[in-house]
Amino acid sequence: LRVLRQARLVEGERQGYHVHYALNPERLEKFRTSVLETLGEEFVIVK
């Protein structure tokens, strides 16, 4: 979780004693694009 927060792929919001985490859609899309560019045509997306 620390690595994901440092990469800003997740964001945390403190609510009392708890922290609620959510994905950061903008950073996640940049990460996805970077992975696809790096792997090129060797990478197959399965939905």
Protein backbone atom coordinates (compact mmCIF):
# COMPACT_ATOMS: atom_id res chain seq x y z
CA LEU A 1 0.00 0.00 0.00
CA ARG A 2 2.88 2.35 0.77
CA VAL A 3 4.34 1.86 -2.71
CA LEU A 4 0.97 2.50 -4.35
CA ARG A 5 0.51 5.68 -2.30
CA GLN A 6 4.04 6.86 -3.16
CA ALA A 7 3.30 6.26 -6.84
CA ARG A 8 0.02 8.14 -6.31
CA LEU A 9 -1.95 5.22 -7.78
CA VAL A 10 -4.16 5.22 -4.68
CA GLU A 11 -5.38 8.09 -2.53
CA GLY A 12 -6.35 7.86 1.11
CA GLU A 13 -8.95 9.87 2.98
CA ARG A 14 -8.92 9.71 6.76
CA GLN A 15 -12.32 9.32 8.41
CA GLY A 16 -11.90 9.14 12.16
CA TYR A 17 -9.76 6.13 13.01
CA HIS A 18 -10.11 4.70 9.51
CA VAL A 19 -8.54 5.54 6.16
CA HIS A 20 -10.57 4.89 3.02
CA TYR A 21 -8.51 4.28 -0.11
CA ALA A 22 -9.51 4.70 -3.74
CA LEU A 23 -7.72 4.36 -7.05
CA ASN A 24 -6.49 7.55 -8.69
CA PRO A 25 -7.98 7.19 -12.21
CA GLU A 26 -5.65 9.70 -13.89
CA ARG A 27 -2.47 8.10 -12.52
CA LEU A 28 -3.83 4.61 -13.22
CA GLU A 29 -4.44 5.51 -16.87
CA LYS A 30 -0.91 6.94 -17.19
CA PHE A 31 0.47 3.73 -15.67
CA ARG A 32 -1.60 1.58 -18.03
CA THR A 33 -0.44 3.56 -21.06
CA SER A 34 3.18 3.27 -19.95
CA VAL A 35 2.89 -0.50 -19.52
CA LEU A 36 1.29 -0.92 -22.95
CA GLU A 37 3.97 1.23 -24.60
CA THR A 38 6.73 -0.72 -22.87
CA LEU A 39 5.39 -4.17 -23.72
CA GLY A 40 4.15 -3.24 -27.17
CA GLU A 41 2.48 -5.92 -29.25
CA GLU A 42 3.78 -8.70 -27.00
CA PHE A 43 1.11 -7.81 -24.45
CA VAL A 44 -2.41 -9.21 -24.89
CA ILE A 45 -5.33 -7.58 -23.09
CA VAL A 46 -7.96 -10.04 -21.86
CA LYS A 47 -11.32 -8.70 -20.72
